[in-house]
Amino acid sequence: MGLEGYKKKELMEALKSAFPNRNELVMMLSLELDMEESEVPDNSSYNFVVFKLIERFESQDRIQKLLEGACRANPGNLDLQKVAKTRLHFPKH
């Protein structure tokens, strides 16, 4: 079982708040999670890019790593702090 819809939405909104465009998201993913830019879709809306990213990390049981990397990259973002504080330990599949 994956993340419940509302948890995905909270994480999605927090990521978009902390990294408001694809370039900033790609930098975070590269610097914090060693992801290549080519692994991040660029032919979709930004909402869909973030959604697919969450699905990818969820399918790999790495949601926790995604959240931790995002928090390291933007520790002052209140939306990320809220998700981290209330949802830091996402359930595993």
Foldseek 3Di string as FASTA:
>chain_A
DFFPPVLLVLVLVLLCQLQVDLVSVQVLCCVQVVDHSVVQDDPDDPSVSSSVVCVVCLVVQNNLSVLVSSCVSRVPRPSSVVCCVPPNDPDHD
